[in-house]
Amino acid sequence: MSDKADPRQPAAAKPYVHPVMNPVDLPPDYPSLLAVMCGVIGVMLRNKIGSWFALIFCLQSFINMKNVETDLKQVVMAFTFAVMGMITNYLGPGSKAAATQTGG
């Protein structure tokens, strides 16, 4: 009796198929873009906070990576800027660490 009162039709149910998207049509990866921008600020303006933010946004973008082929290039570039900023700020000329290593 409960089968006749059930309005659902199990034969009409279809499994969900995720639509295939072109990599060009994917939404932009904002954490990766912010990582690159903060990395450039960290390197060009010798800003330590910008370098740290670049590293944090880079890790966030790496964790949330959806498409390895397209996102990996931008994540690697952002990580390169973050590391360059860290090296420039902490070990570059004019930093306290470089002054103590040279004895000055």
PDB file of N, CA and C in Angstrom:
ATOM      1  N   MET A   1       0.807  -1.177   0.000  1.00  0.00           N
ATOM      2  CA  MET A   1       0.000   0.000   0.000  1.00  0.00           C
ATOM      3  C   MET A   1       0.865   1.261   0.000  1.00  0.00           C
ATOM      4  N   SER A   2       1.984   1.228   0.692  1.00  0.00           N
ATOM      5  CA  SER A   2       2.839   2.405   0.715  1.00  0.00           C
ATOM      6  C   SER A   2       3.525   2.630  -0.631  1.00  0.00           C
ATOM      7  N   ASP A   3       3.689   1.572  -1.443  1.00  0.00           N
ATOM      8  CA  ASP A   3       4.298   1.732  -2.769  1.00  0.00           C
ATOM      9  C   ASP A   3       3.409   2.535  -3.704  1.00  0.00           C
ATOM     10  N   LYS A   4       2.114   2.379  -3.579  1.00  0.00           N
ATOM     11  CA  LYS A   4       1.200   3.103  -4.458  1.00  0.00           C
ATOM     12  C   LYS A   4       1.080   4.569  -4.047  1.00  0.00           C
ATOM     13  N   ALA A   5       1.334   4.875  -2.774  1.00  0.00           N
ATOM     14  CA  ALA A   5       1.240   6.250  -2.303  1.00  0.00           C
ATOM     15  C   ALA A   5       2.543   7.018  -2.512  1.00  0.00           C
ATOM     16  N   ASP A   6       3.635   6.342  -2.866  1.00  0.00           N
ATOM     17  CA  ASP A   6       4.945   6.973  -3.052  1.00  0.00           C
ATOM     18  C   ASP A   6       4.995   7.628  -4.433  1.00  0.00           C
ATOM     19  N   PRO A   7       5.120   8.981  -4.507  1.00  0.00           N
ATOM     20  CA  PRO A   7       5.100   9.652  -5.805  1.00  0.00           C
ATOM     21  C   PRO A   7       6.426   9.549  -6.558  1.00  0.00           C
ATOM     22  N   ARG A   8       7.493   9.092  -5.919  1.00  0.00           N
ATOM     23  CA  ARG A   8       8.796   9.028  -6.614  1.00  0.00           C
ATOM     24  C   ARG A   8       8.820   7.878  -7.610  1.00  0.00           C
ATOM     25  N   GLN A   9       9.600   8.065  -8.645  1.00  0.00           N
ATOM     26  CA  GLN A   9       9.740   7.036  -9.666  1.00  0.00           C
ATOM     27  C   GLN A   9      11.208   6.611  -9.735  1.00  0.00           C
ATOM     28  N   PRO A  10      11.566   5.497  -9.145  1.00  0.00           N
ATOM     29  CA  PRO A  10      12.975   5.089  -9.142  1.00  0.00           C
ATOM     30  C   PRO A  10      13.521   4.829 -10.545  1.00  0.00           C
ATOM     31  N   ALA A  11      12.693   4.490 -11.473  1.00  0.00           N
ATOM     32  CA  ALA A  11      13.166   4.234 -12.831  1.00  0.00           C
ATOM     33  C   ALA A  11      13.548   5.528 -13.540  1.00  0.00           C
ATOM     34  N   ALA A  12      12.988   6.655 -13.110  1.00  0.00           N
ATOM     35  CA  ALA A  12      13.285   7.936 -13.747  1.00  0.00           C
ATOM     36  C   ALA A  12      14.534   8.602 -13.165  1.00  0.00           C
ATOM     37  N   ALA A  13      15.085   8.084 -12.085  1.00  0.00           N
ATOM     38  CA  ALA A  13      16.273   8.682 -11.459  1.00  0.00           C
ATOM     39  C   ALA A  13      17.498   8.412 -12.321  1.00  0.00           C
ATOM     40  N   LYS A  14      18.295   9.455 -12.508  1.00  0.00           N
ATOM     41  CA  LYS A  14      19.523   9.340 -13.296  1.00  0.00           C
ATOM     42  C   LYS A  14      20.702   9.762 -12.427  1.00  0.00           C
ATOM     43  N   PRO A  15      21.830   9.079 -12.544  1.00  0.00           N
ATOM     44  CA  PRO A  15      22.996   9.491 -11.741  1.00  0.00           C
ATOM     45  C   PRO A  15      23.550  10.824 -12.234  1.00  0.00           C
ATOM     46  N   TYR A  16      24.081  11.611 -11.284  1.00  0.00           N
ATOM     47  CA  TYR A  16      24.637  12.923 -11.630  1.00  0.00           C
ATOM     48  C   TYR A  16      25.975  12.744 -12.342  1.00  0.00           C
ATOM     49  N   VAL A  17      26.125  13.426 -13.449  1.00  0.00           N
ATOM     50  CA  VAL A  17      27.380  13.429 -14.197  1.00  0.00           C
ATOM     51  C   VAL A  17      27.902  14.860 -14.192  1.00  0.00           C
ATOM     52  N   HIS A  18      29.103  15.042 -13.639  1.00  0.00           N
ATOM     53  CA  HIS A  18      29.697  16.375 -13.554  1.00  0.00           C
ATOM     54  C   HIS A  18      30.024  16.879 -14.960  1.00  0.00           C
ATOM     55  N   PRO A  19      29.593  18.092 -15.324  1.00  0.00           N
ATOM     56  CA  PRO A  19      29.873  18.588 -16.672  1.00  0.00           C
ATOM     57  C   PRO A  19      31.358  18.868 -16.862  1.00  0.00           C
ATOM     58  N   VAL A  20      31.861  18.547 -18.030  1.00  0.00           N
ATOM     59  CA  VAL A  20      33.257  18.771 -18.366  1.00  0.00           C
ATOM     60  C   VAL A  20      33.418  20.224 -18.797  1.00  0.00           C
ATOM     61  N   MET A  21      34.389  20.921 -18.177  1.00  0.00           N
ATOM     62  CA  MET A  21      34.611  22.329 -18.502  1.00  0.00           C
ATOM     63  C   MET A  21      35.967  22.493 -19.175  1.00  0.00           C
ATOM     64  N   ASN A  22      36.021  23.450 -20.059  1.00  0.00           N
ATOM     65  CA  ASN A  22      37.269  23.815 -20.703  1.00  0.00           C
ATOM     66  C   ASN A  22      38.139  24.545 -19.666  1.00  0.00           C
ATOM     67  N   PRO A  23      39.450  24.273 -19.581  1.00  0.00           N
ATOM     68  CA  PRO A  23      40.293  24.976 -18.593  1.00  0.00           C
ATOM     69  C   PRO A  23      40.300  26.486 -18.758  1.00  0.00           C
ATOM     70  N   VAL A  24      39.996  26.974 -19.939  1.00  0.00           N
ATOM     71  CA  VAL A  24      39.959  28.414 -20.172  1.00  0.00           C
ATOM     72  C   VAL A  24      38.737  29.034 -19.497  1.00  0.00           C
ATOM     73  N   ASP A  25      37.655  28.261 -19.380  1.00  0.00           N
ATOM     74  CA  ASP A  25      36.408  28.766 -18.816  1.00  0.00           C
ATOM     75  C   ASP A  25      36.337  28.655 -17.292  1.00  0.00           C
ATOM     76  N   LEU A  26      37.376  28.136 -16.634  1.00  0.00           N
ATOM     77  CA  LEU A  26      37.352  27.987 -15.188  1.00  0.00           C
ATOM     78  C   LEU A  26      37.413  29.347 -14.508  1.00  0.00           C
ATOM     79  N   PRO A  27      36.817  29.475 -13.334  1.00  0.00           N
ATOM     80  CA  PRO A  27      36.883  30.761 -12.624  1.00  0.00           C
ATOM     81  C   PRO A  27      38.305  31.044 -12.166  1.00  0.00           C
ATOM     82  N   PRO A  28      38.649  32.308 -12.002  1.00  0.00           N
ATOM     83  CA  PRO A  28      40.020  32.649 -11.619  1.00  0.00           C
ATOM     84  C   PRO A  28      40.337  32.200 -10.194  1.00  0.00           C
ATOM     85  N   ASP A  29      41.617  31.963  -9.960  1.00  0.00           N
ATOM     86  CA  ASP A  29      42.091  31.554  -8.642  1.00  0.00           C
ATOM     87  C   ASP A  29      42.574  32.802  -7.912  1.00  0.00           C
ATOM     88  N   TYR A  30      41.698  33.398  -7.111  1.00  0.00           N
ATOM     89  CA  TYR A  30      42.016  34.665  -6.453  1.00  0.00           C
ATOM     90  C   TYR A  30      43.149  34.557  -5.430  1.00  0.00           C
ATOM     91  N   PRO A  31      43.234  33.488  -4.617  1.00  0.00           N
ATOM     92  CA  PRO A  31      44.385  33.414  -3.695  1.00  0.00           C
ATOM     93  C   PRO A  31      45.724  33.385  -4.418  1.00  0.00           C
ATOM     94  N   SER A  32      45.778  32.759  -5.571  1.00  0.00           N
ATOM     95  CA  SER A  32      47.022  32.733  -6.327  1.00  0.00           C
ATOM     96  C   SER A  32      47.361  34.120  -6.877  1.00  0.00           C
ATOM     97  N   LEU A  33      46.342  34.822  -7.338  1.00  0.00           N
ATOM     98  CA  LEU A  33      46.566  36.186  -7.816  1.00  0.00           C
ATOM     99  C   LEU A  33      47.029  37.092  -6.683  1.00  0.00           C
ATOM    100  N   LEU A  34      46.413  36.968  -5.508  1.00  0.00           N
ATOM    101  CA  LEU A  34      46.848  37.745  -4.355  1.00  0.00           C
ATOM    102  C   LEU A  34      48.260  37.369  -3.925  1.00  0.00           C
ATOM    103  N   ALA A  35      48.616  36.086  -4.061  1.00  0.00           N
ATOM    104  CA  ALA A  35      49.969  35.656  -3.709  1.00  0.00           C
ATOM    105  C   ALA A  35      50.999  36.317  -4.617  1.00  0.00           C
ATOM    106  N   VAL A  36      50.705  36.389  -5.895  1.00  0.00           N
ATOM    107  CA  VAL A  36      51.634  37.034  -6.826  1.00  0.00           C
ATOM    108  C   VAL A  36      51.741  38.528  -6.522  1.00  0.00           C
ATOM    109  N   MET A  37      50.603  39.179  -6.274  1.00  0.00           N
ATOM    110  CA  MET A  37      50.630  40.618  -5.987  1.00  0.00           C
ATOM    111  C   MET A  37      51.396  40.908  -4.697  1.00  0.00           C
ATOM    112  N   CYS A  38      51.136  40.137  -3.658  1.00  0.00           N
ATOM    113  CA  CYS A  38      51.855  40.350  -2.393  1.00  0.00           C
ATOM    114  C   CYS A  38      53.331  39.998  -2.539  1.00  0.00           C
ATOM    115  N   GLY A  39      53.648  38.996  -3.355  1.00  0.00           N
ATOM    116  CA  GLY A  39      55.045  38.647  -3.593  1.00  0.00           C
ATOM    117  C   GLY A  39      55.795  39.760  -4.305  1.00  0.00           C
ATOM    118  N   VAL A  40      55.155  40.373  -5.274  1.00  0.00           N
ATOM    119  CA  VAL A  40      55.789  41.493  -5.979  1.00  0.00           C
ATOM    120  C   VAL A  40      55.976  42.672  -5.020  1.00  0.00           C
ATOM    121  N   ILE A  41      54.991  42.921  -4.165  1.00  0.00           N
ATOM    122  CA  ILE A  41      55.138  43.985  -3.168  1.00  0.00           C
ATOM    123  C   ILE A  41      56.283  43.666  -2.222  1.00  0.00           C
ATOM    124  N   GLY A  42      56.384  42.404  -1.811  1.00  0.00           N
ATOM    125  CA  GLY A  42      57.458  42.011  -0.907  1.00  0.00           C
ATOM    126  C   GLY A  42      58.829  42.165  -1.521  1.00  0.00           C
ATOM    127  N   VAL A  43      58.963  41.842  -2.799  1.00  0.00           N
ATOM    128  CA  VAL A  43      60.268  41.931  -3.467  1.00  0.00           C
ATOM    129  C   VAL A  43      60.599  43.377  -3.819  1.00  0.00           C
ATOM    130  N   MET A  44      59.679  44.073  -4.447  1.00  0.00           N
ATOM    131  CA  MET A  44      59.970  45.418  -4.939  1.00  0.00           C
ATOM    132  C   MET A  44      60.070  46.460  -3.829  1.00  0.00           C
ATOM    133  N   LEU A  45      59.173  46.378  -2.854  1.00  0.00           N
ATOM    134  CA  LEU A  45      59.159  47.380  -1.792  1.00  0.00           C
ATOM    135  C   LEU A  45      59.884  46.899  -0.532  1.00  0.00           C
ATOM    136  N   ARG A  46      60.461  45.711  -0.587  1.00  0.00           N
ATOM    137  CA  ARG A  46      61.164  45.115   0.559  1.00  0.00           C
ATOM    138  C   ARG A  46      60.266  45.122   1.792  1.00  0.00           C
ATOM    139  N   ASN A  47      59.079  44.612   1.603  1.00  0.00           N
ATOM    140  CA  ASN A  47      58.067  44.580   2.647  1.00  0.00           C
ATOM    141  C   ASN A  47      57.953  43.149   3.162  1.00  0.00           C
ATOM    142  N   LYS A  48      58.288  42.934   4.442  1.00  0.00           N
ATOM    143  CA  LYS A  48      58.254  41.589   5.007  1.00  0.00           C
ATOM    144  C   LYS A  48      56.829  41.066   5.135  1.00  0.00           C
ATOM    145  N   ILE A  49      55.905  41.935   5.485  1.00  0.00           N
ATOM    146  CA  ILE A  49      54.517  41.495   5.628  1.00  0.00           C
ATOM    147  C   ILE A  49      53.950  41.042   4.281  1.00  0.00           C
ATOM    148  N   GLY A  50      54.311  41.754   3.215  1.00  0.00           N
ATOM    149  CA  GLY A  50      53.876  41.343   1.878  1.00  0.00           C
ATOM    150  C   GLY A  50      54.412  39.971   1.510  1.00  0.00           C
ATOM    151  N   SER A  51      55.654  39.686   1.881  1.00  0.00           N
ATOM    152  CA  SER A  51      56.237  38.377   1.598  1.00  0.00           C
ATOM    153  C   SER A  51      55.548  37.277   2.393  1.00  0.00           C
ATOM    154  N   TRP A  52      55.217  37.561   3.651  1.00  0.00           N
ATOM    155  CA  TRP A  52      54.527  36.561   4.461  1.00  0.00           C
ATOM    156  C   TRP A  52      53.114  36.309   3.938  1.00  0.00           C
ATOM    157  N   PHE A  53      52.416  37.377   3.548  1.00  0.00           N
ATOM    158  CA  PHE A  53      51.089  37.200   2.958  1.00  0.00           C
ATOM    159  C   PHE A  53      51.171  36.417   1.647  1.00  0.00           C
ATOM    160  N   ALA A  54      52.214  36.666   0.865  1.00  0.00           N
ATOM    161  CA  ALA A  54      52.385  35.926  -0.386  1.00  0.00           C
ATOM    162  C   ALA A  54      52.548  34.440  -0.102  1.00  0.00           C
ATOM    163  N   LEU A  55      53.297  34.108   0.917  1.00  0.00           N
ATOM    164  CA  LEU A  55      53.499  32.703   1.269  1.00  0.00           C
ATOM    165  C   LEU A  55      52.187  32.073   1.753  1.00  0.00           C
ATOM    166  N   ILE A  56      51.433  32.799   2.557  1.00  0.00           N
ATOM    167  CA  ILE A  56      50.161  32.272   3.067  1.00  0.00           C
ATOM    168  C   ILE A  56      49.161  32.072   1.929  1.00  0.00           C
ATOM    169  N   PHE A  57      49.026  33.059   1.048  1.00  0.00           N
ATOM    170  CA  PHE A  57      48.097  32.923  -0.076  1.00  0.00           C
ATOM    171  C   PHE A  57      48.550  31.832  -1.041  1.00  0.00           C
ATOM    172  N   CYS A  58      49.851  31.665  -1.187  1.00  0.00           N
ATOM    173  CA  CYS A  58      50.366  30.614  -2.061  1.00  0.00           C
ATOM    174  C   CYS A  58      50.001  29.237  -1.516  1.00  0.00           C
ATOM    175  N   LEU A  59      50.162  29.046  -0.224  1.00  0.00           N
ATOM    176  CA  LEU A  59      49.789  27.766   0.381  1.00  0.00           C
ATOM    177  C   LEU A  59      48.284  27.530   0.289  1.00  0.00           C
ATOM    178  N   GLN A  60      47.494  28.574   0.471  1.00  0.00           N
ATOM    179  CA  GLN A  60      46.043  28.438   0.342  1.00  0.00           C
ATOM    180  C   GLN A  60      45.665  28.047  -1.087  1.00  0.00           C
ATOM    181  N   SER A  61      46.306  28.652  -2.047  1.00  0.00           N
ATOM    182  CA  SER A  61      46.024  28.326  -3.440  1.00  0.00           C
ATOM    183  C   SER A  61      46.455  26.901  -3.773  1.00  0.00           C
ATOM    184  N   PHE A  62      47.575  26.472  -3.204  1.00  0.00           N
ATOM    185  CA  PHE A  62      48.053  25.108  -3.440  1.00  0.00           C
ATOM    186  C   PHE A  62      47.092  24.081  -2.843  1.00  0.00           C
ATOM    187  N   ILE A  63      46.570  24.372  -1.655  1.00  0.00           N
ATOM    188  CA  ILE A  63      45.654  23.437  -1.003  1.00  0.00           C
ATOM    189  C   ILE A  63      44.335  23.350  -1.765  1.00  0.00           C
ATOM    190  N   ASN A  64      43.850  24.469  -2.302  1.00  0.00           N
ATOM    191  CA  ASN A  64      42.563  24.499  -2.991  1.00  0.00           C
ATOM    192  C   ASN A  64      42.687  24.325  -4.499  1.00  0.00           C
ATOM    193  N   MET A  65      43.797  23.800  -4.980  1.00  0.00           N
ATOM    194  CA  MET A  65      44.017  23.666  -6.417  1.00  0.00           C
ATOM    195  C   MET A  65      42.999  22.692  -7.021  1.00  0.00           C
ATOM    196  N   LYS A  66      42.297  23.144  -8.048  1.00  0.00           N
ATOM    197  CA  LYS A  66      41.279  22.312  -8.681  1.00  0.00           C
ATOM    198  C   LYS A  66      41.793  21.639  -9.948  1.00  0.00           C
ATOM    199  N   ASN A  67      42.520  22.360 -10.739  1.00  0.00           N
ATOM    200  CA  ASN A  67      43.032  21.823 -11.999  1.00  0.00           C
ATOM    201  C   ASN A  67      44.551  21.917 -11.966  1.00  0.00           C
ATOM    202  N   VAL A  68      45.213  20.783 -11.866  1.00  0.00           N
ATOM    203  CA  VAL A  68      46.661  20.763 -11.670  1.00  0.00           C
ATOM    204  C   VAL A  68      47.392  21.389 -12.856  1.00  0.00           C
ATOM    205  N   GLU A  69      46.915  21.146 -14.059  1.00  0.00           N
ATOM    206  CA  GLU A  69      47.646  21.602 -15.238  1.00  0.00           C
ATOM    207  C   GLU A  69      47.683  23.116 -15.362  1.00  0.00           C
ATOM    208  N   THR A  70      46.578  23.789 -15.087  1.00  0.00           N
ATOM    209  CA  THR A  70      46.538  25.239 -15.265  1.00  0.00           C
ATOM    210  C   THR A  70      46.954  25.989 -14.010  1.00  0.00           C
ATOM    211  N   ASP A  71      46.608  25.470 -12.841  1.00  0.00           N
ATOM    212  CA  ASP A  71      46.885  26.192 -11.599  1.00  0.00           C
ATOM    213  C   ASP A  71      48.316  26.026 -11.128  1.00  0.00           C
ATOM    214  N   LEU A  72      48.977  24.953 -11.502  1.00  0.00           N
ATOM    215  CA  LEU A  72      50.318  24.687 -10.983  1.00  0.00           C
ATOM    216  C   LEU A  72      51.321  25.747 -11.428  1.00  0.00           C
ATOM    217  N   LYS A  73      51.190  26.229 -12.657  1.00  0.00           N
ATOM    218  CA  LYS A  73      52.109  27.268 -13.141  1.00  0.00           C
ATOM    219  C   LYS A  73      52.013  28.533 -12.301  1.00  0.00           C
ATOM    220  N   GLN A  74      50.791  28.953 -12.009  1.00  0.00           N
ATOM    221  CA  GLN A  74      50.608  30.178 -11.251  1.00  0.00           C
ATOM    222  C   GLN A  74      51.020  29.987  -9.790  1.00  0.00           C
ATOM    223  N   VAL A  75      50.791  28.813  -9.231  1.00  0.00           N
ATOM    224  CA  VAL A  75      51.190  28.551  -7.849  1.00  0.00           C
ATOM    225  C   VAL A  75      52.714  28.542  -7.733  1.00  0.00           C
ATOM    226  N   VAL A  76      53.390  27.943  -8.710  1.00  0.00           N
ATOM    227  CA  VAL A  76      54.854  27.926  -8.690  1.00  0.00           C
ATOM    228  C   VAL A  76      55.402  29.346  -8.825  1.00  0.00           C
ATOM    229  N   MET A  77      54.812  30.150  -9.693  1.00  0.00           N
ATOM    230  CA  MET A  77      55.261  31.533  -9.847  1.00  0.00           C
ATOM    231  C   MET A  77      55.032  32.322  -8.552  1.00  0.00           C
ATOM    232  N   ALA A  78      53.880  32.133  -7.923  1.00  0.00           N
ATOM    233  CA  ALA A  78      53.599  32.827  -6.668  1.00  0.00           C
ATOM    234  C   ALA A  78      54.559  32.373  -5.573  1.00  0.00           C
ATOM    235  N   PHE A  79      54.855  31.085  -5.519  1.00  0.00           N
ATOM    236  CA  PHE A  79      55.791  30.576  -4.517  1.00  0.00           C
ATOM    237  C   PHE A  79      57.190  31.130  -4.763  1.00  0.00           C
ATOM    238  N   THR A  80      57.567  31.272  -6.022  1.00  0.00           N
ATOM    239  CA  THR A  80      58.875  31.840  -6.348  1.00  0.00           C
ATOM    240  C   THR A  80      58.977  33.280  -5.872  1.00  0.00           C
ATOM    241  N   PHE A  81      57.938  34.067  -6.096  1.00  0.00           N
ATOM    242  CA  PHE A  81      57.943  35.450  -5.620  1.00  0.00           C
ATOM    243  C   PHE A  81      57.973  35.501  -4.092  1.00  0.00           C
ATOM    244  N   ALA A  82      57.240  34.608  -3.437  1.00  0.00           N
ATOM    245  CA  ALA A  82      57.217  34.601  -1.972  1.00  0.00           C
ATOM    246  C   ALA A  82      58.604  34.271  -1.415  1.00  0.00           C
ATOM    247  N   VAL A  83      59.246  33.272  -1.991  1.00  0.00           N
ATOM    248  CA  VAL A  83      60.586  32.883  -1.521  1.00  0.00           C
ATOM    249  C   VAL A  83      61.600  33.977  -1.853  1.00  0.00           C
ATOM    250  N   MET A  84      61.487  34.567  -3.037  1.00  0.00           N
ATOM    251  CA  MET A  84      62.389  35.674  -3.389  1.00  0.00           C
ATOM    252  C   MET A  84      62.243  36.833  -2.412  1.00  0.00           C
ATOM    253  N   GLY A  85      61.005  37.148  -2.040  1.00  0.00           N
ATOM    254  CA  GLY A  85      60.775  38.215  -1.079  1.00  0.00           C
ATOM    255  C   GLY A  85      61.355  37.888   0.281  1.00  0.00           C
ATOM    256  N   MET A  86      61.203  36.637   0.713  1.00  0.00           N
ATOM    257  CA  MET A  86      61.771  36.231   2.004  1.00  0.00           C
ATOM    258  C   MET A  86      63.291  36.347   1.995  1.00  0.00           C
ATOM    259  N   ILE A  87      63.906  35.866   0.935  1.00  0.00           N
ATOM    260  CA  ILE A  87      65.371  35.926   0.845  1.00  0.00           C
ATOM    261  C   ILE A  87      65.841  37.372   0.769  1.00  0.00           C
ATOM    262  N   THR A  88      65.152  38.173  -0.022  1.00  0.00           N
ATOM    263  CA  THR A  88      65.547  39.580  -0.151  1.00  0.00           C
ATOM    264  C   THR A  88      65.389  40.324   1.169  1.00  0.00           C
ATOM    265  N   ASN A  89      64.300  40.068   1.870  1.00  0.00           N
ATOM    266  CA  ASN A  89      64.037  40.800   3.110  1.00  0.00           C
ATOM    267  C   ASN A  89      64.890  40.334   4.279  1.00  0.00           C
ATOM    268  N   TYR A  90      65.138  39.044   4.375  1.00  0.00           N
ATOM    269  CA  TYR A  90      65.829  38.536   5.546  1.00  0.00           C
ATOM    270  C   TYR A  90      67.329  38.293   5.330  1.00  0.00           C
ATOM    271  N   LEU A  91      67.743  38.042   4.088  1.00  0.00           N
ATOM    272  CA  LEU A  91      69.152  37.752   3.830  1.00  0.00           C
ATOM    273  C   LEU A  91      69.793  38.688   2.818  1.00  0.00           C
ATOM    274  N   GLY A  92      69.028  39.614   2.277  1.00  0.00           N
ATOM    275  CA  GLY A  92      69.549  40.513   1.254  1.00  0.00           C
ATOM    276  C   GLY A  92      70.402  41.618   1.831  1.00  0.00           C
ATOM    277  N   PRO A  93      70.964  42.445   0.952  1.00  0.00           N
ATOM    278  CA  PRO A  93      71.791  43.566   1.426  1.00  0.00           C
ATOM    279  C   PRO A  93      70.958  44.552   2.231  1.00  0.00           C
ATOM    280  N   GLY A  94      71.510  45.021   3.325  1.00  0.00           N
ATOM    281  CA  GLY A  94      70.821  45.987   4.171  1.00  0.00           C
ATOM    282  C   GLY A  94      69.999  45.357   5.271  1.00  0.00           C
ATOM    283  N   SER A  95      69.910  44.030   5.287  1.00  0.00           N
ATOM    284  CA  SER A  95      69.145  43.387   6.354  1.00  0.00           C
ATOM    285  C   SER A  95      70.045  43.142   7.554  1.00  0.00           C
ATOM    286  N   LYS A  96      69.461  42.963   8.714  1.00  0.00           N
ATOM    287  CA  LYS A  96      70.247  42.753   9.926  1.00  0.00           C
ATOM    288  C   LYS A  96      70.995  41.426   9.885  1.00  0.00           C
ATOM    289  N   ALA A  97      70.400  40.411   9.272  1.00  0.00           N
ATOM    290  CA  ALA A  97      71.058  39.104   9.184  1.00  0.00           C
ATOM    291  C   ALA A  97      72.306  39.193   8.314  1.00  0.00           C
ATOM    292  N   ALA A  98      72.230  39.937   7.199  1.00  0.00           N
ATOM    293  CA  ALA A  98      73.397  40.088   6.332  1.00  0.00           C
ATOM    294  C   ALA A  98      74.477  40.900   7.022  1.00  0.00           C
ATOM    295  N   ALA A  99      74.094  41.881   7.830  1.00  0.00           N
ATOM    296  CA  ALA A  99      75.078  42.719   8.534  1.00  0.00           C
ATOM    297  C   ALA A  99      75.812  41.921   9.604  1.00  0.00           C
ATOM    298  N   THR A 100      75.130  41.007  10.275  1.00  0.00           N
ATOM    299  CA  THR A 100      75.801  40.207  11.299  1.00  0.00           C
ATOM    300  C   THR A 100      76.687  39.151  10.688  1.00  0.00           C
ATOM    301  N   GLN A 101      76.363  38.660   9.495  1.00  0.00           N
ATOM    302  CA  GLN A 101      77.207  37.652   8.838  1.00  0.00           C
ATOM    303  C   GLN A 101      78.504  38.263   8.330  1.00  0.00           C
ATOM    304  N   THR A 102      78.471  39.493   7.887  1.00  0.00           N
ATOM    305  CA  THR A 102      79.675  40.123   7.350  1.00  0.00           C
ATOM    306  C   THR A 102      80.485  40.820   8.437  1.00  0.00           C
ATOM    307  N   GLY A 103      79.926  40.887   9.629  1.00  0.00           N
ATOM    308  CA  GLY A 103      80.644  41.511  10.723  1.00  0.00           C
ATOM    309  C   GLY A 103      80.443  43.004  10.803  1.00  0.00           C
ATOM    310  N   GLY A 104      79.462  43.552  10.093  1.00  0.00           N
ATOM    311  CA  GLY A 104      79.252  44.994  10.060  1.00  0.00           C
ATOM    312  C   GLY A 104      78.136  45.460  10.820  1.00  0.00           C
TER     313      GLY A 104
END
